[in-house]
C-alpha cells in the first residue's frame, strides 16, 4: 500500500464505502449478473473460483466484466455532499470491499477521490481488514468514515466521525445508540410498491387469456371450469413475474441508459439484485407447488415451457431478428393453450389460428413503437436488439397484414358449422368483425404516431375507446348466445 501524505491543517480525510453507500446497489452482484448474461455457462465455474477465497472470486469476476460507472444508481444526496466536500478542498478516499478495478472505474468517472483502497486478489477489504488498512494509512481516529452496514462498525470504531447512509431507519437508530453520528443520509428503502412494480403487476392483465377457452366454450359460469382457470391465472401471474424479474436483472446496463426503463426498481437501485433473486425463487416455488398439486400435468408442462421460453428470450432470443416477435406472439398464444389444459376445454382450430396472427400483430406493434421512440430521440439503432429505424416500414406492413389476417379468420369462423351449432342467433356475431377491424386499424395508426408507448396491452388498459369496444363486443356476444 502506498503511503498517503496528509496536510495536518486540513480536516482528516473522509473515507467512503462504495456498495450500498455511494451507490444504491452491490457492484459484485451486478458484475455477476452481467457475466451470466454474457455467458450462462460461467455458472459452473463460480464454485471453482470461490475456492480461492472471496477476494480471488471478486477478481475472477471483475476481470471478465466492465460496469458502466456513469450509469450506476448513485445515492444522489450523498454524492452531492461529497462533491461539495471535494470543492472545499477536503481529501476523499474511496475505500471498498469491491475489486480494485471496479472501484477505480467509479473513482475515475466521478473525479472527486484522491485515492482508492479496495480488495486485491489476496485480501478482501471488508470489516476489520478495512479498519486495519485505514489505520495503517491515516492512523487511529484520524479519518472519518461513511458506511451503510453492520460490517462497517469495525471501521467506525477506529474512525474520528461517523457518517451513515442507509435505507433503514432502524439501522440508523442502532448506529446512533452506539456512536455519535455526524451526518446521516436516507436512501430509498425497499417498498411494496417497488416490489409490485418489479413484478410488473400491470402485465398480469395479459394472463386473462387463460380464461379465453372457458369464455369461448360458454362455460364462464361453471365452477368446475372457472376454479381451475383462476388457479391457472395465479400460477401464470407468478411465473410471468419471474420472467420479468429475470429480464430486468439481465438488462440492468441497457435499462439504465433508456429514458423510461431507467426508472425500473432494479435499474434505479430501489431494489437490490439479491431481492430480485429471492422474489424469483419465491414466485417459482409457489407457482410450481400450486400447479403440481391442483392442476393437470398438461398445464404444468405448459407453465414450465412458458418459463423456459421466457428466460431464453431474455438471455438470447430477444436479440434475434424477427424471431423475437414470433416468440412474443407464441407466449401470448401459450396462455390460451394453457387455459385449455387447465380446464380440459378443447381448443378449436379457429381459435388457435386467430391467436397466432392476432398476437403476432401485437408483438410487431411493440417493436414498431420502440423504433418510433428511437426515431423521435434522434437515434437509429436499438440497444440489444436487431432492428434499426430503417425497419419501421417492413415491420409495419407485416404487423398490419397479420392483424387483418386475424380479422379474416374471425370472419370465416362466423360462417362455420361450429358457430351455427353453438349460438342461437349467430348473425349478431358478424358485428364483432368491424369492431376487431376498427381496433386493429386504430392501434396501428396510433403506433405510427408514437402514441402506443411500446406495449399495446398496457396501452389498451389506459385507452377508453378499447374499453368501449370491449363492452360493445361483450353485448354482441350476449345477444348471439
Protein backbone atom coordinates (compact mmCIF):
# COMPACT_ATOMS: atom_id res chain seq x y z
CA UNK A 1 0.00 0.00 0.00
CA UNK A 2 1.38 3.41 -0.96
CA UNK A 3 1.60 5.93 1.92
CA UNK A 4 -0.89 8.79 1.79
CA UNK A 5 0.50 12.19 2.79
CA UNK A 6 -1.92 14.50 4.61
CA UNK A 7 -1.82 18.17 5.48
CA UNK A 8 -2.28 18.44 9.26
CA UNK A 9 -4.01 21.82 8.88
CA UNK A 10 -6.93 20.31 6.94
CA UNK A 11 -9.79 18.12 8.10
CA UNK A 12 -8.86 14.43 8.22
CA UNK A 13 -9.79 12.50 5.07
CA UNK A 14 -13.34 11.33 4.53
CA UNK A 15 -13.26 7.64 3.62
CA UNK A 16 -16.27 6.47 1.64
CA UNK A 17 -17.66 2.97 1.18
CA UNK A 18 -18.93 2.05 -2.30
CA UNK A 19 -21.61 -0.67 -2.28
CA UNK A 20 -24.81 0.45 -0.59
CA UNK A 21 -23.26 3.77 0.40
CA UNK A 22 -22.05 5.69 -2.63
CA UNK A 23 -24.22 3.55 -4.94
CA UNK A 24 -27.60 2.01 -4.19
CA UNK A 25 -26.55 -1.44 -5.31
CA UNK A 26 -23.86 -4.11 -4.92
CA UNK A 27 -21.32 -3.98 -7.73
CA UNK A 28 -20.32 -7.63 -7.21
CA UNK A 29 -23.91 -8.79 -7.68
CA UNK A 30 -24.28 -6.64 -10.77
CA UNK A 31 -20.99 -7.92 -12.17
CA UNK A 32 -22.14 -11.50 -11.66
CA UNK A 33 -25.41 -10.80 -13.47
CA UNK A 34 -23.55 -9.16 -16.33
CA UNK A 35 -21.21 -12.13 -16.55
CA UNK A 36 -24.04 -14.67 -16.55
CA UNK A 37 -25.90 -12.69 -19.22
CA UNK A 38 -22.84 -12.75 -21.46
CA UNK A 39 -22.12 -16.46 -20.85
CA UNK A 40 -24.63 -18.53 -18.80
CA UNK A 41 -22.20 -21.47 -18.72
CA UNK A 42 -19.96 -19.47 -16.40
CA UNK A 43 -22.31 -20.51 -13.58
CA UNK A 44 -20.46 -23.82 -13.49
CA UNK A 45 -17.14 -22.02 -12.86
CA UNK A 46 -18.32 -19.94 -9.92
CA UNK A 47 -17.86 -22.71 -7.29
CA UNK A 48 -14.27 -23.23 -8.50
CA UNK A 49 -13.49 -19.53 -8.23
CA UNK A 50 -14.82 -19.47 -4.67
CA UNK A 51 -12.12 -21.95 -3.69
CA UNK A 52 -9.59 -19.11 -3.98
CA UNK A 53 -11.49 -17.07 -1.36
CA UNK A 54 -13.80 -14.07 -1.64
CA UNK A 55 -11.06 -11.69 -2.79
CA UNK A 56 -9.91 -14.09 -5.52
CA UNK A 57 -13.51 -14.70 -6.51
CA UNK A 58 -14.12 -10.97 -6.94
CA UNK A 59 -11.03 -10.61 -9.10
CA UNK A 60 -12.10 -13.50 -11.35
CA UNK A 61 -15.45 -11.81 -11.89
CA UNK A 62 -14.12 -8.27 -12.25
CA UNK A 63 -11.54 -9.16 -14.90
CA UNK A 64 -14.31 -10.54 -17.13
CA UNK A 65 -16.79 -7.65 -16.94
CA UNK A 66 -16.81 -3.89 -17.27
CA UNK A 67 -19.51 -1.98 -15.41
CA UNK A 68 -20.68 1.35 -16.77
CA UNK A 69 -19.75 3.61 -13.86
CA UNK A 70 -21.71 6.51 -15.35
CA UNK A 71 -24.95 4.50 -15.30
CA UNK A 72 -24.73 3.17 -11.72
CA UNK A 73 -27.54 4.29 -9.36
CA UNK A 74 -25.74 6.72 -7.07
CA UNK A 75 -27.17 7.96 -3.79
CA UNK A 76 -27.66 11.43 -5.20
CA UNK A 77 -27.98 13.41 -1.96
CA UNK A 78 -24.85 11.79 -0.53
CA UNK A 79 -22.96 12.27 -3.80
CA UNK A 80 -23.80 15.97 -3.81
CA UNK A 81 -22.46 16.20 -0.24
CA UNK A 82 -19.20 14.53 -1.34
CA UNK A 83 -18.90 16.87 -4.31
CA UNK A 84 -19.27 19.88 -2.01
CA UNK A 85 -16.58 18.43 0.29
CA UNK A 86 -14.30 17.98 -2.71
CA UNK A 87 -14.85 21.57 -3.85
CA UNK A 88 -13.95 22.83 -0.38
CA UNK A 89 -10.61 21.04 -0.64
CA UNK A 90 -11.27 18.05 1.60
CA UNK A 91 -9.48 14.82 0.73
CA UNK A 92 -11.87 11.99 -0.21
CA UNK A 93 -10.81 8.33 -0.24
CA UNK A 94 -12.88 5.58 -1.87
CA UNK A 95 -12.42 2.51 0.34
CA UNK A 96 -14.38 -0.60 -0.55
CA UNK A 97 -14.54 -4.37 -0.46
CA UNK A 98 -15.23 -4.32 -4.21
CA UNK A 99 -12.41 -5.33 -6.51
CA UNK A 100 -9.87 -2.59 -7.20
CA UNK A 101 -10.61 -2.48 -10.94
CA UNK A 102 -14.30 -1.71 -10.31
CA UNK A 103 -13.50 0.85 -7.61
CA UNK A 104 -11.12 2.67 -9.94
CA UNK A 105 -13.73 2.82 -12.70
CA UNK A 106 -16.09 4.58 -10.28
CA UNK A 107 -13.36 6.90 -8.96
CA UNK A 108 -12.23 7.83 -12.47
CA UNK A 109 -15.79 8.60 -13.50
CA UNK A 110 -16.60 10.84 -10.51
CA UNK A 111 -13.23 12.57 -10.33
CA UNK A 112 -13.57 13.52 -6.65
CA UNK A 113 -11.45 10.83 -4.96
CA UNK A 114 -7.74 11.37 -4.41
CA UNK A 115 -7.06 7.70 -3.60
CA UNK A 116 -8.66 4.27 -3.83
CA UNK A 117 -8.33 1.43 -1.34
CA UNK A 118 -10.04 -1.77 -2.49
CA UNK A 119 -9.88 -5.55 -2.47
CA UNK A 120 -6.92 -7.20 -4.14
CA UNK A 121 -6.70 -10.82 -5.30
CA UNK A 122 -5.24 -11.73 -1.87
CA UNK A 123 -7.24 -9.54 0.52
CA UNK A 124 -10.96 -8.89 0.87
CA UNK A 125 -11.09 -5.33 2.22
CA UNK A 126 -14.11 -5.63 4.45
CA UNK A 127 -14.81 -5.19 8.17
CA UNK A 128 -11.69 -5.41 10.30
CA UNK A 129 -9.42 -5.74 7.26
CA UNK A 130 -10.73 -2.37 6.03
CA UNK A 131 -10.24 -0.84 9.51
CA UNK A 132 -6.62 -2.02 9.70
CA UNK A 133 -5.89 -0.67 6.21
CA UNK A 134 -7.27 2.76 7.13
CA UNK A 135 -5.45 2.86 10.47
CA UNK A 136 -2.21 1.94 8.68
CA UNK A 137 -2.78 4.69 6.10
CA UNK A 138 -4.01 7.50 8.36
CA UNK A 139 -3.69 6.49 11.99
CA UNK A 140 -6.19 5.67 14.73
CA UNK A 141 -9.02 8.24 14.89
CA UNK A 142 -7.53 10.33 12.09
CA UNK A 143 -10.13 9.70 9.42
CA UNK A 144 -13.90 9.97 9.07
CA UNK A 145 -15.85 7.12 7.53
CA UNK A 146 -19.16 6.80 5.66
CA UNK A 147 -20.73 3.35 5.55
CA UNK A 148 -24.01 1.52 5.47
CA UNK A 149 -23.81 -1.94 7.04
CA UNK A 150 -23.00 -3.90 10.20
CA UNK A 151 -19.57 -4.73 8.78
CA UNK A 152 -18.78 -1.00 8.97
CA UNK A 153 -18.99 -0.92 12.78
CA UNK A 154 -15.44 -2.25 12.92
CA UNK A 155 -14.28 0.70 10.81
CA UNK A 156 -16.30 3.26 12.75
CA UNK A 157 -14.61 2.08 15.97
CA UNK A 158 -11.34 3.48 14.67
CA UNK A 159 -12.78 6.50 12.88
CA UNK A 160 -12.98 10.03 14.22
CA UNK A 161 -16.52 10.68 13.00
CA UNK A 162 -19.35 8.51 11.72
CA UNK A 163 -21.46 9.13 8.62
CA UNK A 164 -24.30 6.71 7.88
CA UNK A 165 -26.02 6.11 4.54
CA UNK A 166 -28.89 3.65 4.78
CA UNK A 167 -32.39 2.85 3.59
CA UNK A 168 -33.25 1.54 7.06
CA UNK A 169 -34.30 3.95 9.81
CA UNK A 170 -33.88 1.10 12.31
CA UNK A 171 -30.24 0.63 11.27
CA UNK A 172 -29.52 4.35 11.56
CA UNK A 173 -31.10 4.36 15.03
CA UNK A 174 -28.93 1.38 16.04
CA UNK A 175 -25.78 3.22 14.92
CA UNK A 176 -26.88 6.30 16.87
CA UNK A 177 -27.21 4.21 20.05
CA UNK A 178 -23.61 3.05 19.76
CA UNK A 179 -21.84 6.03 18.22
CA UNK A 180 -22.15 9.76 17.75
CA UNK A 181 -23.36 10.21 14.14
CA UNK A 182 -22.16 13.36 12.42
CA UNK A 183 -24.31 13.07 9.29
CA UNK A 184 -26.95 10.64 8.08
CA UNK A 185 -28.34 10.16 4.60
CA UNK A 186 -31.53 8.24 3.92
CA UNK A 187 -31.54 6.30 0.66
CA UNK A 188 -34.80 4.88 -0.79
CA UNK A 189 -35.83 1.72 1.04
CA UNK A 190 -37.47 -1.49 -0.07
CA UNK A 191 -41.21 -0.92 -0.51
CA UNK A 192 -44.22 -2.97 -1.55
CA UNK A 193 -44.75 -0.53 -4.39
CA UNK A 194 -41.25 -1.19 -5.73
CA UNK A 195 -41.75 -4.97 -5.44
CA UNK A 196 -45.08 -4.82 -7.30
CA UNK A 197 -43.54 -2.64 -9.96
CA UNK A 198 -40.65 -5.08 -10.38
CA UNK A 199 -43.17 -7.94 -10.63
CA UNK A 200 -44.90 -5.95 -13.40
CA UNK A 201 -48.32 -6.46 -11.85
CA UNK A 202 -49.88 -4.38 -14.63
CA UNK A 203 -48.75 -7.03 -17.10
CA UNK A 204 -50.88 -9.62 -15.30
CA UNK A 205 -53.79 -8.48 -17.44
CA UNK A 206 -52.20 -10.50 -20.27
CA UNK A 207 -52.86 -13.64 -18.26
CA UNK A 208 -56.61 -13.07 -18.62
CA UNK A 209 -56.08 -15.02 -21.86
CA UNK A 210 -56.17 -18.09 -19.60
CA UNK A 211 -59.96 -17.62 -19.44
CA UNK A 212 -60.47 -17.46 -23.24
CA UNK A 213 -61.19 -21.22 -23.66
CA UNK A 214 -63.82 -21.08 -20.91
CA UNK A 215 -65.45 -18.00 -22.43
CA UNK A 216 -65.34 -19.33 -26.00
CA UNK A 217 -66.99 -22.59 -24.87
CA UNK A 218 -69.74 -20.70 -22.94
CA UNK A 219 -68.64 -22.17 -19.60
CA UNK A 220 -67.60 -18.97 -17.83
CA UNK A 221 -70.17 -19.60 -15.08
CA UNK A 222 -69.33 -23.27 -14.49
CA UNK A 223 -67.37 -23.61 -11.19
CA UNK A 224 -65.66 -26.83 -12.31
CA UNK A 225 -64.16 -24.85 -15.20
CA UNK A 226 -63.61 -21.42 -13.68
CA UNK A 227 -61.93 -22.56 -10.44
CA UNK A 228 -59.02 -24.31 -12.18
CA UNK A 229 -58.88 -21.39 -14.63
CA UNK A 230 -58.50 -18.97 -11.70
CA UNK A 231 -55.74 -21.13 -10.16
CA UNK A 232 -54.01 -21.28 -13.54
CA UNK A 233 -54.26 -17.49 -13.76
CA UNK A 234 -52.49 -17.16 -10.38
CA UNK A 235 -49.73 -19.56 -11.45
CA UNK A 236 -49.18 -17.66 -14.69
CA UNK A 237 -49.06 -14.32 -12.86
CA UNK A 238 -46.30 -15.62 -10.58
CA UNK A 239 -44.41 -17.25 -13.44
CA UNK A 240 -44.70 -14.28 -15.79
CA UNK A 241 -43.47 -12.02 -12.98
CA UNK A 242 -40.49 -14.37 -12.61
CA UNK A 243 -39.75 -13.89 -16.29
CA UNK A 244 -39.87 -10.12 -15.92
CA UNK A 245 -37.52 -10.32 -12.92
CA UNK A 246 -35.02 -12.31 -14.98
CA UNK A 247 -35.36 -9.83 -17.83
CA UNK A 248 -34.78 -6.79 -15.60
CA UNK A 249 -31.83 -8.36 -13.78
CA UNK A 250 -30.20 -9.34 -17.07
CA UNK A 251 -30.88 -5.95 -18.69
CA UNK A 252 -29.64 -3.64 -15.93
CA UNK A 253 -27.00 -1.89 -18.04
CA UNK A 254 -29.29 -1.40 -21.05
CA UNK A 255 -32.22 -0.25 -18.92
CA UNK A 256 -30.14 2.45 -17.21
CA UNK A 257 -29.49 4.25 -20.49
CA UNK A 258 -33.14 4.01 -21.59
CA UNK A 259 -35.25 7.15 -20.93
CA UNK A 260 -38.11 5.18 -19.31
CA UNK A 261 -36.67 1.81 -18.30
CA UNK A 262 -34.05 3.52 -16.12
CA UNK A 263 -36.90 4.09 -13.61
CA UNK A 264 -37.47 0.36 -13.11
CA UNK A 265 -36.74 -0.68 -9.50
CA UNK A 266 -33.54 -2.64 -10.16
CA UNK A 267 -32.13 -0.16 -12.67
CA UNK A 268 -32.85 2.73 -10.30
CA UNK A 269 -31.34 0.92 -7.31
CA UNK A 270 -34.66 0.85 -5.42
CA UNK A 271 -34.32 -2.93 -5.11
CA UNK A 272 -31.04 -4.80 -4.70
CA UNK A 273 -30.32 -7.63 -7.16
CA UNK A 274 -30.43 -10.23 -4.35
CA UNK A 275 -34.03 -9.20 -3.60
CA UNK A 276 -34.90 -9.92 -7.22
CA UNK A 277 -33.35 -13.38 -6.97
CA UNK A 278 -35.22 -14.06 -3.69
CA UNK A 279 -38.53 -12.98 -5.27
CA UNK A 280 -37.77 -15.10 -8.31
CA UNK A 281 -37.29 -18.23 -6.18
CA UNK A 282 -40.40 -17.47 -4.11
CA UNK A 283 -42.64 -16.94 -7.14
CA UNK A 284 -41.37 -20.02 -8.97
CA UNK A 285 -41.63 -22.29 -5.95
CA UNK A 286 -45.19 -21.16 -5.23
CA UNK A 287 -46.31 -21.50 -8.84
CA UNK A 288 -44.73 -24.94 -9.26
CA UNK A 289 -46.23 -26.22 -5.99
CA UNK A 290 -49.75 -24.95 -6.74
CA UNK A 291 -49.68 -26.21 -10.34
CA UNK A 292 -48.30 -29.60 -9.34
CA UNK A 293 -50.89 -30.17 -6.61
CA UNK A 294 -54.06 -28.65 -8.07
CA UNK A 295 -53.85 -28.69 -11.87
CA UNK A 296 -53.37 -31.29 -14.64
CA UNK A 297 -49.89 -32.32 -15.74
CA UNK A 298 -50.55 -30.78 -19.18
CA UNK A 299 -50.89 -27.36 -17.60
CA UNK A 300 -47.72 -27.83 -15.53
CA UNK A 301 -45.87 -28.70 -18.74
CA UNK A 302 -47.25 -25.58 -20.46
CA UNK A 303 -46.21 -23.45 -17.48
CA UNK A 304 -42.70 -24.91 -17.50
CA UNK A 305 -42.47 -24.36 -21.25
CA UNK A 306 -43.54 -20.75 -20.79
CA UNK A 307 -40.82 -20.18 -18.19
CA UNK A 308 -38.09 -21.79 -20.30
CA UNK A 309 -39.04 -19.77 -23.38
CA UNK A 310 -39.29 -16.55 -21.36
CA UNK A 311 -35.84 -16.98 -19.81
CA UNK A 312 -34.34 -17.99 -23.16
CA UNK A 313 -35.95 -14.92 -24.68
CA UNK A 314 -34.41 -12.64 -22.03
CA UNK A 315 -30.95 -14.17 -22.44
CA UNK A 316 -30.79 -14.73 -26.19
CA UNK A 317 -33.90 -14.69 -28.37
CA UNK A 318 -34.75 -11.01 -27.86
CA UNK A 319 -31.62 -10.14 -29.87
CA UNK A 320 -32.63 -12.26 -32.89
CA UNK A 321 -34.18 -10.55 -35.91
CA UNK A 322 -37.92 -11.37 -36.26
CA UNK A 323 -37.55 -14.48 -34.13
CA UNK A 324 -38.12 -12.25 -31.11
CA UNK A 325 -41.59 -11.14 -32.29
CA UNK A 326 -42.55 -14.70 -33.23
CA UNK A 327 -41.59 -15.82 -29.72
CA UNK A 328 -43.54 -12.96 -28.14
CA UNK A 329 -46.62 -13.92 -30.16
CA UNK A 330 -46.11 -17.54 -29.13
CA UNK A 331 -46.02 -16.57 -25.44
CA UNK A 332 -49.39 -14.85 -25.84
CA UNK A 333 -50.85 -17.91 -27.57
CA UNK A 334 -49.33 -20.24 -24.99
CA UNK A 335 -51.51 -18.60 -22.33
CA UNK A 336 -54.60 -19.59 -24.32
CA UNK A 337 -53.34 -23.16 -24.71
CA UNK A 338 -52.53 -23.33 -21.00
CA UNK A 339 -56.08 -22.20 -20.18
CA UNK A 340 -57.40 -25.11 -22.22
CA UNK A 341 -55.01 -27.53 -20.50
CA UNK A 342 -56.02 -26.31 -17.02
CA UNK A 343 -59.77 -26.59 -17.66
CA UNK A 344 -59.86 -29.53 -20.05
CA UNK A 345 -61.65 -27.40 -22.66
CA UNK A 346 -60.92 -28.34 -26.28
CA UNK A 347 -59.38 -25.50 -28.33
CA UNK A 348 -60.91 -25.11 -31.76
CA UNK A 349 -58.56 -24.69 -34.73
CA UNK A 350 -60.27 -21.36 -35.40
CA UNK A 351 -59.19 -20.01 -32.02
CA UNK A 352 -55.64 -21.28 -32.50
CA UNK A 353 -55.31 -19.71 -35.96
CA UNK A 354 -56.80 -16.39 -34.82
CA UNK A 355 -54.46 -16.27 -31.80
CA UNK A 356 -51.33 -16.82 -33.87
CA UNK A 357 -51.95 -13.95 -36.31
CA UNK A 358 -53.56 -11.55 -33.81
CA UNK A 359 -50.76 -11.84 -31.26
CA UNK A 360 -48.08 -11.59 -33.94
CA UNK A 361 -49.62 -8.25 -34.88
CA UNK A 362 -49.44 -7.09 -31.25
CA UNK A 363 -45.81 -8.17 -30.95
CA UNK A 364 -44.93 -6.20 -34.07
CA UNK A 365 -46.78 -3.15 -32.70
CA UNK A 366 -44.43 -3.28 -29.71
CA UNK A 367 -41.32 -3.29 -31.90
CA UNK A 368 -42.62 -0.54 -34.17
CA UNK A 369 -43.46 1.61 -31.14
CA UNK A 370 -39.92 1.15 -29.78
CA UNK A 371 -38.46 2.21 -33.12
CA UNK A 372 -40.75 5.23 -33.26
CA UNK A 373 -39.42 6.28 -29.88
CA UNK A 374 -35.84 5.88 -31.14
CA UNK A 375 -36.62 7.91 -34.23
CA UNK A 376 -38.05 10.77 -32.16
CA UNK A 377 -34.95 10.68 -29.94
CA UNK A 378 -32.72 11.02 -32.99
CA UNK A 379 -31.24 7.52 -32.64
CA UNK A 380 -31.06 4.86 -35.32
CA UNK A 381 -30.20 1.58 -33.55
CA UNK A 382 -31.88 -0.26 -30.68
CA UNK A 383 -29.98 -1.42 -27.61
CA UNK A 384 -29.54 -5.21 -27.53
CA UNK A 385 -32.00 -5.72 -30.41
CA UNK A 386 -31.51 -6.43 -34.10
CA UNK A 387 -33.53 -3.52 -35.51
CA UNK A 388 -32.94 0.00 -36.78
CA UNK A 389 -35.35 2.80 -37.63
CA UNK A 390 -34.98 1.78 -41.28
CA UNK A 391 -37.02 -1.34 -40.44
CA UNK A 392 -40.13 0.65 -39.49
CA UNK A 393 -41.88 0.27 -42.84
CA UNK A 394 -41.43 -3.51 -43.39
CA UNK A 395 -42.28 -4.27 -39.75
CA UNK A 396 -45.43 -2.15 -40.03
CA UNK A 397 -46.51 -3.91 -43.21
CA UNK A 398 -46.02 -7.31 -41.61
CA UNK A 399 -47.87 -6.26 -38.47
CA UNK A 400 -50.87 -4.74 -40.20
CA UNK A 401 -51.14 -7.70 -42.58
CA UNK A 402 -51.05 -10.12 -39.65
CA UNK A 403 -53.76 -8.15 -37.82
CA UNK A 404 -56.05 -8.11 -40.87
CA UNK A 405 -55.48 -11.84 -41.45
CA UNK A 406 -56.68 -12.48 -37.89
CA UNK A 407 -59.84 -10.50 -38.68
CA UNK A 408 -60.29 -12.54 -41.87
CA UNK A 409 -60.02 -15.77 -39.86
CA UNK A 410 -62.64 -14.37 -37.49
CA UNK A 411 -64.96 -13.69 -40.44
CA UNK A 412 -64.53 -17.24 -41.77
CA UNK A 413 -65.30 -18.58 -38.31
CA UNK A 414 -68.62 -16.69 -38.26
CA UNK A 415 -69.87 -18.83 -41.16
CA UNK A 416 -68.55 -22.15 -39.82
CA UNK A 417 -70.76 -25.07 -38.67
CA UNK A 418 -69.41 -24.66 -35.11
CA UNK A 419 -70.97 -21.21 -34.82
CA UNK A 420 -74.30 -22.38 -36.14
CA UNK A 421 -74.37 -25.19 -33.56
CA UNK A 422 -73.24 -23.15 -30.56
CA UNK A 423 -75.19 -19.90 -30.96
CA UNK A 424 -78.94 -19.25 -31.12
CA UNK A 425 -78.52 -16.02 -33.11
CA UNK A 426 -75.12 -16.30 -34.81
CA UNK A 427 -75.79 -13.40 -37.19
CA UNK A 428 -75.14 -10.98 -34.31
CA UNK A 429 -71.54 -12.19 -34.20
CA UNK A 430 -70.82 -10.52 -37.52
CA UNK A 431 -70.76 -7.22 -35.62
CA UNK A 432 -67.54 -8.35 -33.94
CA UNK A 433 -65.67 -8.26 -37.27
CA UNK A 434 -65.93 -4.47 -37.81
CA UNK A 435 -65.13 -3.97 -34.11
CA UNK A 436 -61.91 -6.01 -34.50
CA UNK A 437 -61.02 -4.26 -37.77
CA UNK A 438 -61.52 -0.83 -36.21
CA UNK A 439 -59.44 -1.70 -33.13
CA UNK A 440 -56.54 -3.14 -35.14
CA UNK A 441 -56.55 -0.26 -37.63
CA UNK A 442 -56.69 2.38 -34.89
CA UNK A 443 -53.92 0.66 -32.92
CA UNK A 444 -51.57 0.70 -35.86
CA UNK A 445 -52.37 4.28 -36.77
CA UNK A 446 -51.65 5.43 -33.21
CA UNK A 447 -48.48 3.31 -33.15
CA UNK A 448 -47.21 5.23 -36.17
CA UNK A 449 -47.98 8.47 -34.38
CA UNK A 450 -45.88 7.28 -31.43
CA UNK A 451 -48.85 7.17 -29.04
CA UNK A 452 -48.86 3.46 -28.12
CA UNK A 453 -45.82 3.74 -25.82
CA UNK A 454 -44.29 0.39 -26.76
CA UNK A 455 -46.66 -2.14 -25.14
CA UNK A 456 -50.08 -2.45 -26.86
CA UNK A 457 -51.66 -4.30 -23.92
CA UNK A 458 -50.79 -1.56 -21.43
CA UNK A 459 -51.96 0.98 -23.99
CA UNK A 460 -55.34 -0.77 -24.23
CA UNK A 461 -55.65 -0.72 -20.43
CA UNK A 462 -55.44 3.08 -20.47
CA UNK A 463 -57.47 3.59 -23.65
CA UNK A 464 -61.15 4.49 -23.19
CA UNK A 465 -62.03 3.52 -26.76
CA UNK A 466 -60.70 0.00 -26.15
CA UNK A 467 -62.95 -0.40 -23.10
CA UNK A 468 -65.96 0.85 -25.06
CA UNK A 469 -65.27 -1.58 -27.91
CA UNK A 470 -64.82 -4.44 -25.45
CA UNK A 471 -68.20 -3.69 -23.85
CA UNK A 472 -69.78 -3.47 -27.29
CA UNK A 473 -68.30 -6.84 -28.29
CA UNK A 474 -69.49 -8.35 -24.99
CA UNK A 475 -73.03 -7.13 -25.67
CA UNK A 476 -72.93 -8.59 -29.18
CA UNK A 477 -71.67 -11.90 -27.78
CA UNK A 478 -74.52 -11.97 -25.25
CA UNK A 479 -77.11 -11.31 -27.98
CA UNK A 480 -75.68 -14.15 -30.07
CA UNK A 481 -75.89 -16.66 -27.22
